[in-house]
């Protein structure tokens, strides 16, 4: 189910109303059924994959618990939990990529008798997210940072919790499971803060990301038609689009959970206000970045090993992050490019004189540096295979090369309101960062009635938009 749809605008209030009316046991049952329904709306057969991840991981966690109680090693059950979820991810997301890569390395063409045809599986919504959560839960139990969930049903509720099921945030078991153990009642403050956050997410998605989409799509669909200036605009617009789209989803997820009385960790912290790419990755997709750190970077040795190995670990983690996003070479290149900038900064800033001089550069220039690097890298992330241009990575390099020429071409028009709304968003985020005194002391801005009225107005406009247009799928649903 799409957050930005009439369906969700009817589904969510119904879930809220029934949830607060029920006793604790039935609250959990209602929330689990609502979550399964939420996921089944996309495609009913995908529910079987989610249930497999739930029961397989829970059985492995039971094995870990029993082995530890018996004084035996529980490593086998941890390995089984990881392999079971990675196998699910591999078959439905990476199998075709693996087959295509084998054909390329073997030199097999479509007409060759030894050519292996791709299977053609559809990537299930959110499979990358709930499998990572399942792996982290089993790993945390193995490391004794959490206990085994009290039942498969409770673990299933954690893994299927509908606000964050499809595109995160990736929530750790210790941050959510215990919250299901107490009954939640309606709380006006939770409702106010949750609706504020939900409305901000709808604003980012509906009023900015979806409005930028047609311009970006037109340029990336046939870049040869457009001028270099049009490509620059599309590249910068896409950076803003993907931020508003993904952060908008996270805002709606966090806001929905807050209305229900749950605290979900932050996933974005105004990343375009970063001054380095290292800081950017501490602010962008925080739940995934911390997952990579705790379950890949640190197990690889982190920074505790030699300098060369530590640099390699950083690069490997970023390349893996690219592969996680999608089964194509352009995603791997995107991750590797970010890894290269992280290593460059790590090396240069190891010299105090260089770091000191960099810190003296005006803040706006340092902010633009991170935005510029992100925008250039994300163009490879966005590129798709095109008949006249070749593979996705070829399309990415075609656009990248023409950015730095004086290529002529058409310039698609875009409404000035899009730029105005984007400016409004970043002004709001800038205010949130700096918290000027006049905002803190203004009675109108801080009055609950004004805040709820503003949220209601924006959501009402969004509801009308969803009623008369086709809702645009969130970009990260494909991952």
Protein backbone atom coordinates (compact mmCIF):
# COMPACT_ATOMS: atom_id res chain seq x y z
CA UNK A 1 0.00 0.00 0.00
CA UNK A 2 1.32 3.41 -0.93
CA UNK A 3 1.51 6.02 1.81
CA UNK A 4 0.60 8.65 -0.78
CA UNK A 5 -2.79 7.19 -1.70
CA UNK A 6 -6.44 7.52 -0.79
CA UNK A 7 -6.26 3.87 0.31
CA UNK A 8 -3.73 4.73 3.02
CA UNK A 9 -5.62 7.86 4.07
CA UNK A 10 -8.58 5.60 4.82
CA UNK A 11 -6.53 2.66 6.17
CA UNK A 12 -4.46 4.60 8.73
CA UNK A 13 -7.32 6.31 10.63
CA UNK A 14 -9.17 2.98 10.83
CA UNK A 15 -6.07 1.30 12.25
CA UNK A 16 -5.64 4.12 14.78
CA UNK A 17 -9.25 4.10 15.95
CA UNK A 18 -9.51 0.34 16.42
CA UNK A 19 -6.01 0.03 17.91
CA UNK A 20 -6.61 2.44 20.80
CA UNK A 21 -9.94 0.82 21.62
CA UNK A 22 -8.50 -2.69 22.08
CA UNK A 23 -6.82 -4.34 25.10
CA UNK A 24 -3.10 -5.14 24.87
CA UNK A 25 -3.37 -8.68 23.49
CA UNK A 26 -5.80 -7.65 20.77
CA UNK A 27 -3.76 -4.53 20.01
CA UNK A 28 -0.89 -6.78 18.98
CA UNK A 29 -3.16 -9.05 16.94
CA UNK A 30 -4.83 -6.10 15.22
CA UNK A 31 -1.47 -4.48 14.42
CA UNK A 32 -0.08 -7.72 13.00
CA UNK A 33 -3.15 -8.29 10.80
CA UNK A 34 -3.09 -4.67 9.65
CA UNK A 35 0.60 -5.01 8.76
CA UNK A 36 0.03 -8.20 6.77
CA UNK A 37 -2.85 -6.56 4.92
CA UNK A 38 -0.70 -3.47 4.25
CA UNK A 39 1.95 -5.67 2.63
CA UNK A 40 -0.55 -7.94 0.82
CA UNK A 41 -1.99 -4.94 -1.03
CA UNK A 42 1.20 -4.82 -3.12
CA UNK A 43 1.08 -8.53 -4.07
CA UNK A 44 -0.45 -11.30 -2.01
CA UNK A 45 2.20 -13.97 -2.86
CA UNK A 46 4.93 -11.74 -1.40
CA UNK A 47 3.40 -12.27 2.03
CA UNK A 48 4.73 -15.85 1.90
CA UNK A 49 8.29 -14.50 1.65
CA UNK A 50 7.77 -12.22 4.62
CA UNK A 51 6.32 -15.09 6.66
CA UNK A 52 9.23 -17.33 5.65
CA UNK A 53 11.71 -14.73 6.93
CA UNK A 54 9.74 -14.41 10.17
CA UNK A 55 9.48 -18.12 10.96
CA UNK A 56 12.92 -19.13 9.67
CA UNK A 57 14.67 -16.43 11.68
CA UNK A 58 12.61 -17.12 14.79
CA UNK A 59 13.41 -20.86 14.65
CA UNK A 60 17.09 -20.03 14.34
CA UNK A 61 16.79 -17.70 17.34
CA UNK A 62 15.18 -20.54 19.30
CA UNK A 63 18.17 -22.69 18.32
CA UNK A 64 20.58 -19.98 19.49
CA UNK A 65 18.77 -19.77 22.82
CA UNK A 66 18.68 -23.53 23.39
CA UNK A 67 22.33 -23.97 22.39
CA UNK A 68 23.43 -21.29 24.79
CA UNK A 69 21.39 -22.79 27.62
CA UNK A 70 22.95 -26.19 26.93
CA UNK A 71 26.45 -24.71 26.93
CA UNK A 72 26.98 -25.37 23.20
CA UNK A 73 28.08 -23.04 20.45
CA UNK A 74 25.18 -21.23 18.81
CA UNK A 75 27.16 -20.17 15.73
CA UNK A 76 25.47 -22.73 13.46
CA UNK A 77 22.03 -21.23 14.08
CA UNK A 78 23.33 -17.71 13.48
CA UNK A 79 24.82 -18.86 10.17
CA UNK A 80 21.53 -20.52 9.23
CA UNK A 81 19.59 -17.34 10.03
CA UNK A 82 21.93 -15.27 7.88
CA UNK A 83 22.01 -17.76 4.99
CA UNK A 84 18.24 -18.22 4.99
CA UNK A 85 17.58 -14.50 4.66
CA UNK A 86 20.44 -13.86 2.23
CA UNK A 87 19.21 -16.77 0.09
CA UNK A 88 15.79 -15.16 -0.07
CA UNK A 89 17.39 -11.87 -1.05
CA UNK A 90 19.70 -13.50 -3.61
CA UNK A 91 17.02 -15.50 -5.41
CA UNK A 92 14.51 -12.70 -5.78
CA UNK A 93 16.85 -9.73 -6.20
CA UNK A 94 20.25 -10.84 -7.46
CA UNK A 95 19.79 -14.15 -9.31
CA UNK A 96 19.14 -12.52 -12.68
CA UNK A 97 22.08 -10.15 -12.20
CA UNK A 98 24.29 -13.15 -11.40
CA UNK A 99 23.07 -15.01 -14.49
CA UNK A 100 23.69 -12.00 -16.74
CA UNK A 101 27.19 -11.55 -15.27
CA UNK A 102 28.00 -15.24 -15.92
CA UNK A 103 26.87 -14.88 -19.53
CA UNK A 104 29.08 -11.82 -19.99
CA UNK A 105 32.16 -13.41 -18.40
CA UNK A 106 31.64 -16.60 -20.42
CA UNK A 107 31.12 -14.64 -23.62
CA UNK A 108 27.71 -16.20 -24.27
CA UNK A 109 25.29 -14.37 -26.55
CA UNK A 110 21.52 -14.82 -26.57
CA UNK A 111 21.70 -17.08 -29.59
CA UNK A 112 24.35 -19.39 -28.05
CA UNK A 113 23.14 -22.84 -26.87
CA UNK A 114 24.92 -22.36 -23.51
CA UNK A 115 23.30 -18.98 -22.88
CA UNK A 116 21.40 -18.90 -19.57
CA UNK A 117 18.16 -16.96 -19.67
CA UNK A 118 17.30 -14.75 -16.68
CA UNK A 119 14.51 -16.08 -14.49
CA UNK A 120 12.64 -12.78 -14.44
CA UNK A 121 11.55 -12.67 -10.81
CA UNK A 122 9.83 -9.49 -9.64
CA UNK A 123 11.69 -7.95 -6.70
CA UNK A 124 9.30 -8.12 -3.71
CA UNK A 125 8.58 -4.82 -2.01
CA UNK A 126 10.81 -4.16 0.98
CA UNK A 127 12.69 -7.48 0.81
CA UNK A 128 16.03 -5.72 1.36
CA UNK A 129 14.70 -4.06 4.49
CA UNK A 130 12.98 -6.90 6.33
CA UNK A 131 15.80 -9.38 5.60
CA UNK A 132 18.37 -6.98 7.08
CA UNK A 133 16.19 -6.54 10.16
CA UNK A 134 15.88 -10.31 10.53
CA UNK A 135 19.65 -10.79 10.25
CA UNK A 136 20.36 -8.03 12.78
CA UNK A 137 17.89 -9.55 15.27
CA UNK A 138 19.53 -12.99 15.13
CA UNK A 139 23.01 -11.45 15.30
CA UNK A 140 22.10 -9.28 18.29
CA UNK A 141 20.72 -12.31 20.12
CA UNK A 142 23.91 -14.21 19.34
CA UNK A 143 25.92 -11.30 20.76
CA UNK A 144 23.60 -11.34 23.79
CA UNK A 145 22.40 -7.77 23.36
CA UNK A 146 18.79 -8.98 23.18
CA UNK A 147 16.85 -11.98 24.44
CA UNK A 148 14.93 -14.38 22.25
CA UNK A 149 11.49 -12.93 21.44
CA UNK A 150 8.72 -14.44 23.57
CA UNK A 151 6.97 -15.93 20.53
CA UNK A 152 7.15 -16.16 16.76
CA UNK A 153 4.09 -13.96 16.65
CA UNK A 154 5.84 -11.15 18.59
CA UNK A 155 8.89 -11.44 16.38
CA UNK A 156 6.62 -11.38 13.34
CA UNK A 157 5.03 -8.19 14.61
CA UNK A 158 8.48 -6.61 14.88
CA UNK A 159 9.49 -7.67 11.37
CA UNK A 160 6.18 -6.76 9.71
CA UNK A 161 5.40 -3.50 11.56
CA UNK A 162 3.66 -1.69 8.70
CA UNK A 163 4.90 1.92 9.06
CA UNK A 164 8.49 0.93 8.24
CA UNK A 165 7.99 -2.44 6.53
CA UNK A 166 8.61 -1.50 2.92
CA UNK A 167 11.33 1.17 3.01
CA UNK A 168 12.58 1.53 6.55
CA UNK A 169 13.92 2.88 8.79
CA UNK A 170 15.71 -0.40 9.50
CA UNK A 171 14.82 -0.81 13.16
CA UNK A 172 16.88 -2.92 15.57
CA UNK A 173 15.00 -5.47 17.65
CA UNK A 174 16.04 -3.81 20.92
CA UNK A 175 14.50 -0.54 19.71
CA UNK A 176 11.05 -1.94 18.95
CA UNK A 177 10.16 -5.37 20.34
CA UNK A 178 9.85 -4.22 23.95
CA UNK A 179 7.44 -1.47 22.86
CA UNK A 180 4.90 -4.18 21.98
CA UNK A 181 4.81 -5.33 25.61
CA UNK A 182 2.73 -2.43 26.91
CA UNK A 183 -0.70 -1.18 25.91
CA UNK A 184 -0.75 2.12 24.06
CA UNK A 185 -3.53 4.63 24.68
CA UNK A 186 -4.32 7.72 22.69
CA UNK A 187 -1.97 10.55 23.62
CA UNK A 188 -2.63 14.04 22.30
CA UNK A 189 1.06 14.98 22.31
CA UNK A 190 1.99 11.85 20.36
CA UNK A 191 -0.85 12.61 17.94
CA UNK A 192 0.31 16.21 17.45
CA UNK A 193 3.97 15.35 16.94
CA UNK A 194 3.13 12.31 14.81
CA UNK A 195 0.85 14.29 12.51
CA UNK A 196 3.45 17.03 12.18
CA UNK A 197 6.02 14.49 11.06
CA UNK A 198 3.61 12.65 8.79
CA UNK A 199 2.57 15.94 7.16
CA UNK A 200 6.19 16.92 6.56
CA UNK A 201 6.71 13.56 4.85
CA UNK A 202 3.65 14.05 2.63
CA UNK A 203 4.88 17.57 1.78
CA UNK A 204 8.31 16.29 0.76
CA UNK A 205 6.90 13.45 -1.32
CA UNK A 206 3.81 15.01 -2.90
CA UNK A 207 4.69 18.67 -3.27
CA UNK A 208 8.38 18.34 -4.15
CA UNK A 209 9.58 14.84 -5.14
CA UNK A 210 6.58 14.00 -7.34
CA UNK A 211 6.71 17.42 -9.01
CA UNK A 212 10.41 17.10 -9.82
CA UNK A 213 9.95 13.56 -11.15
CA UNK A 214 8.57 14.36 -14.65
CA UNK A 215 11.45 16.73 -15.47
CA UNK A 216 14.07 14.28 -14.22
CA UNK A 217 12.43 11.34 -15.97
CA UNK A 218 12.23 13.16 -19.31
CA UNK A 219 15.96 13.92 -19.33
CA UNK A 220 17.08 10.47 -18.17
CA UNK A 221 14.72 8.76 -20.67
CA UNK A 222 16.55 10.27 -23.66
CA UNK A 223 19.54 12.38 -22.55
CA UNK A 224 20.79 12.88 -26.11
CA UNK A 225 17.96 15.30 -26.82
CA UNK A 226 18.81 17.69 -24.03
CA UNK A 227 21.40 20.42 -23.56
CA UNK A 228 24.15 20.30 -20.97
CA UNK A 229 22.31 22.92 -18.96
CA UNK A 230 19.18 20.75 -18.92
CA UNK A 231 21.27 17.80 -17.73
CA UNK A 232 22.76 19.86 -14.88
CA UNK A 233 19.27 20.88 -13.79
CA UNK A 234 18.08 17.25 -13.98
CA UNK A 235 21.08 16.03 -11.95
CA UNK A 236 20.51 18.60 -9.20
CA UNK A 237 16.74 18.09 -9.28
CA UNK A 238 17.21 14.35 -8.96
CA UNK A 239 19.35 14.80 -5.85
CA UNK A 240 16.57 16.84 -4.25
CA UNK A 241 13.90 14.44 -5.57
CA UNK A 242 15.43 11.29 -4.10
CA UNK A 243 16.03 13.01 -0.77
CA UNK A 244 12.45 14.29 -0.53
CA UNK A 245 11.08 10.95 -1.71
CA UNK A 246 13.06 8.74 0.69
CA UNK A 247 13.12 11.12 3.66
CA UNK A 248 9.43 11.73 3.03
CA UNK A 249 8.73 8.02 3.39
CA UNK A 250 10.75 7.89 6.61
CA UNK A 251 8.88 10.91 7.97
CA UNK A 252 5.52 9.30 7.27
CA UNK A 253 6.71 6.03 8.84
CA UNK A 254 8.03 7.76 11.96
CA UNK A 255 4.93 9.95 12.21
CA UNK A 256 2.51 7.05 11.80
CA UNK A 257 4.36 5.05 14.45
CA UNK A 258 4.35 8.06 16.79
CA UNK A 259 0.56 8.44 16.53
CA UNK A 260 0.30 4.78 17.57
CA UNK A 261 2.59 5.49 20.52
CA UNK A 262 5.80 3.93 19.14
CA UNK A 263 9.21 5.56 18.96
CA UNK A 264 11.04 4.81 15.72
CA UNK A 265 14.69 5.92 15.31
CA UNK A 266 15.52 8.78 12.96
CA UNK A 267 16.61 7.94 9.43
CA UNK A 268 17.68 11.36 8.10
CA UNK A 269 19.23 14.36 9.80
CA UNK A 270 19.16 17.11 7.13
CA UNK A 271 22.07 15.58 5.15
CA UNK A 272 22.45 18.49 2.72
CA UNK A 273 23.67 20.59 5.64
CA UNK A 274 26.71 18.31 5.96
CA UNK A 275 30.17 19.75 5.35
CA UNK A 276 31.93 16.50 4.35
CA UNK A 277 30.86 13.24 2.74
CA UNK A 278 31.84 11.45 5.95
CA UNK A 279 29.36 13.61 7.85
CA UNK A 280 26.83 13.16 5.04
CA UNK A 281 26.78 9.39 5.57
CA UNK A 282 26.16 9.93 9.27
CA UNK A 283 23.07 11.95 8.33
CA UNK A 284 21.79 10.05 5.26
CA UNK A 285 19.82 6.80 5.68
CA UNK A 286 21.09 6.61 9.24
CA UNK A 287 19.55 3.23 10.03
CA UNK A 288 21.27 1.61 7.03
CA UNK A 289 24.60 3.35 7.64
CA UNK A 290 24.63 2.15 11.25
CA UNK A 291 23.63 -1.35 10.09
CA UNK A 292 26.60 -1.44 7.72
CA UNK A 293 28.88 -0.22 10.48
CA UNK A 294 27.74 -2.74 13.11
CA UNK A 295 27.24 -5.85 10.96
CA UNK A 296 29.83 -5.48 8.18
CA UNK A 297 32.45 -2.81 8.91
CA UNK A 298 33.16 -3.77 12.53
CA UNK A 299 33.16 -7.57 11.88
CA UNK A 300 35.66 -6.92 9.07
CA UNK A 301 37.94 -5.34 11.65
CA UNK A 302 36.78 -1.73 11.35
CA UNK A 303 39.56 0.72 12.10
CA UNK A 304 41.25 -1.58 14.62
CA UNK A 305 43.36 -3.16 11.89
CA UNK A 306 46.20 -1.55 9.94
CA UNK A 307 45.61 1.68 8.00
CA UNK A 308 45.56 -0.02 4.59
CA UNK A 309 43.12 -2.68 5.77
CA UNK A 310 40.92 -0.06 7.43
CA UNK A 311 40.76 1.88 4.15
CA UNK A 312 39.90 -1.32 2.30
CA UNK A 313 37.13 -2.04 4.81
CA UNK A 314 35.57 1.37 4.19
CA UNK A 315 35.70 0.88 0.43
CA UNK A 316 34.24 -2.64 0.64
CA UNK A 317 31.37 -1.50 2.85
CA UNK A 318 30.43 1.29 0.44
CA UNK A 319 30.62 -1.06 -2.56
CA UNK A 320 28.35 -3.49 -0.69
CA UNK A 321 25.97 -0.64 0.07
CA UNK A 322 25.78 0.04 -3.66
CA UNK A 323 25.04 -3.61 -4.42
CA UNK A 324 22.37 -3.66 -1.71
CA UNK A 325 20.56 -0.86 -3.49
CA UNK A 326 20.25 -2.70 -6.77
CA UNK A 327 21.43 -5.61 -8.89
CA UNK A 328 23.35 -3.69 -11.54
CA UNK A 329 26.84 -2.35 -12.09
CA UNK A 330 25.76 1.28 -11.84
CA UNK A 331 24.77 0.76 -8.19
CA UNK A 332 28.12 -0.83 -7.39
CA UNK A 333 29.88 2.06 -9.12
CA UNK A 334 27.77 4.53 -7.12
CA UNK A 335 28.80 2.86 -3.87
CA UNK A 336 32.45 2.66 -4.91
CA UNK A 337 32.43 6.35 -5.85
CA UNK A 338 31.18 7.28 -2.40
CA UNK A 339 33.80 4.97 -0.91
CA UNK A 340 36.52 6.77 -2.88
CA UNK A 341 35.45 10.18 -1.52
CA UNK A 342 35.27 8.84 2.04
CA UNK A 343 38.81 7.49 1.71
CA UNK A 344 40.06 10.73 0.15
CA UNK A 345 38.63 12.74 3.04
CA UNK A 346 39.94 10.25 5.59
CA UNK A 347 43.43 10.59 4.14
CA UNK A 348 43.47 14.37 3.62
CA UNK A 349 41.91 15.19 6.98
CA UNK A 350 44.47 13.01 8.74
CA UNK A 351 46.77 16.02 8.23
CA UNK A 352 45.77 18.63 10.85
CA UNK A 353 46.87 21.55 8.65
CA UNK A 354 44.59 20.48 5.80
CA UNK A 355 41.66 19.84 8.14
CA UNK A 356 42.15 23.24 9.78
CA UNK A 357 42.20 25.04 6.44
CA UNK A 358 39.12 23.17 5.24
CA UNK A 359 37.19 24.12 8.37
CA UNK A 360 37.89 27.79 7.63
CA UNK A 361 36.15 27.59 4.24
CA UNK A 362 32.75 29.33 4.35
CA UNK A 363 30.00 26.98 5.51
CA UNK A 364 27.89 27.44 2.38
CA UNK A 365 30.75 26.30 0.14
CA UNK A 366 31.34 23.20 2.25
CA UNK A 367 27.61 22.43 2.17
CA UNK A 368 27.60 22.80 -1.61
CA UNK A 369 30.59 20.46 -1.89
CA UNK A 370 28.67 17.61 -0.24
CA UNK A 371 25.53 18.32 -2.28
CA UNK A 372 27.55 18.46 -5.50
CA UNK A 373 29.36 15.17 -4.87
CA UNK A 374 26.11 13.47 -3.89
CA UNK A 375 24.30 14.81 -6.98
CA UNK A 376 27.05 13.68 -9.35
CA UNK A 377 27.25 10.22 -7.77
CA UNK A 378 23.49 9.75 -7.67
CA UNK A 379 23.19 10.29 -11.43
CA UNK A 380 24.76 6.83 -11.87
CA UNK A 381 22.28 5.51 -9.33
CA UNK A 382 19.38 6.90 -11.41
CA UNK A 383 20.63 5.84 -14.84
CA UNK A 384 18.72 3.00 -16.53
CA UNK A 385 19.56 0.95 -19.65
CA UNK A 386 18.36 2.61 -22.87
CA UNK A 387 18.24 1.03 -26.35
CA UNK A 388 20.24 3.80 -28.02
CA UNK A 389 22.74 4.32 -25.21
CA UNK A 390 23.53 0.88 -23.81
CA UNK A 391 23.71 -0.33 -20.22
CA UNK A 392 22.81 1.70 -17.17
CA UNK A 393 26.42 2.55 -16.41
CA UNK A 394 26.93 3.61 -20.04
CA UNK A 395 23.96 5.95 -19.73
CA UNK A 396 25.43 7.32 -16.51
CA UNK A 397 28.78 8.07 -18.15
CA UNK A 398 27.05 9.58 -21.19
CA UNK A 399 25.25 12.08 -18.97
CA UNK A 400 28.35 12.69 -16.83
CA UNK A 401 30.54 13.40 -19.88
CA UNK A 402 28.01 15.79 -21.41
CA UNK A 403 27.69 17.78 -18.22
CA UNK A 404 31.12 19.21 -18.89
CA UNK A 405 30.56 20.12 -22.54
CA UNK A 406 28.56 22.84 -24.25
CA UNK A 407 26.14 20.33 -25.74
CA UNK A 408 23.10 21.90 -27.33
CA UNK A 409 19.59 20.52 -27.12
CA UNK A 410 16.10 21.17 -25.92
CA UNK A 411 15.37 22.52 -22.47
CA UNK A 412 12.17 21.13 -20.95
CA UNK A 413 10.14 23.67 -19.04
CA UNK A 414 9.50 23.29 -15.36
CA UNK A 415 7.18 25.30 -13.10
CA UNK A 416 8.90 27.89 -10.95
CA UNK A 417 6.75 26.69 -8.04
CA UNK A 418 8.89 23.54 -7.85
CA UNK A 419 12.00 25.60 -7.15
CA UNK A 420 10.05 27.76 -4.70
CA UNK A 421 8.78 24.73 -2.77
CA UNK A 422 12.29 23.23 -2.68
CA UNK A 423 13.60 26.50 -1.28
CA UNK A 424 10.81 26.48 1.32
CA UNK A 425 11.82 22.96 2.39
CA UNK A 426 15.47 23.88 2.87
CA UNK A 427 14.54 27.10 4.68
CA UNK A 428 12.45 24.98 7.07
CA UNK A 429 15.33 22.55 7.56
CA UNK A 430 17.75 25.43 8.05
CA UNK A 431 15.46 26.84 10.75
CA UNK A 432 15.33 23.40 12.38
CA UNK A 433 19.13 23.27 12.40
CA UNK A 434 19.69 26.76 13.80
CA UNK A 435 16.46 27.18 15.86
CA UNK A 436 16.36 31.01 15.83
CA UNK A 437 15.06 32.63 18.99
CA UNK A 438 12.06 34.27 17.30
CA UNK A 439 10.75 30.85 16.28
CA UNK A 440 11.18 29.46 19.78
CA UNK A 441 9.31 32.39 21.32
CA UNK A 442 6.54 32.80 18.72
CA UNK A 443 3.26 31.75 20.34
CA UNK A 444 1.44 31.19 17.04
CA UNK A 445 3.98 28.77 15.56
CA UNK A 446 4.05 26.77 18.79
CA UNK A 447 0.29 26.68 19.38
CA UNK A 448 -1.15 23.13 19.00
CA UNK A 449 -4.31 24.38 17.25
CA UNK A 450 -2.27 26.23 14.60
CA UNK A 451 -0.02 23.22 14.05
CA UNK A 452 -2.91 20.76 13.73
CA UNK A 453 -4.80 23.15 11.41
CA UNK A 454 -1.72 23.51 9.19
CA UNK A 455 -1.28 19.73 9.07
CA UNK A 456 -4.96 19.26 8.29
CA UNK A 457 -4.83 21.77 5.45
CA UNK A 458 -1.78 20.23 3.79
CA UNK A 459 -3.11 16.70 4.20
CA UNK A 460 -6.48 17.79 2.78
CA UNK A 461 -4.79 19.18 -0.33
CA UNK A 462 -2.74 15.98 -0.63
CA UNK A 463 -5.91 13.87 -0.33
CA UNK A 464 -7.48 15.80 -3.22
CA UNK A 465 -4.32 15.30 -5.30
CA UNK A 466 -4.33 11.56 -4.60
CA UNK A 467 -8.02 11.39 -5.54
CA UNK A 468 -7.56 12.82 -9.03
CA UNK A 469 -4.06 11.62 -9.99
CA UNK A 470 -2.12 8.38 -10.07
CA UNK A 471 0.08 8.17 -6.96
CA UNK A 472 3.79 7.92 -7.71
CA UNK A 473 5.52 4.94 -6.14
CA UNK A 474 8.28 5.70 -3.65
CA UNK A 475 11.69 5.32 -5.28
CA UNK A 476 13.07 3.01 -2.58
CA UNK A 477 10.24 0.50 -3.01
CA UNK A 478 12.30 -1.11 -5.78
CA UNK A 479 15.13 -1.84 -3.33
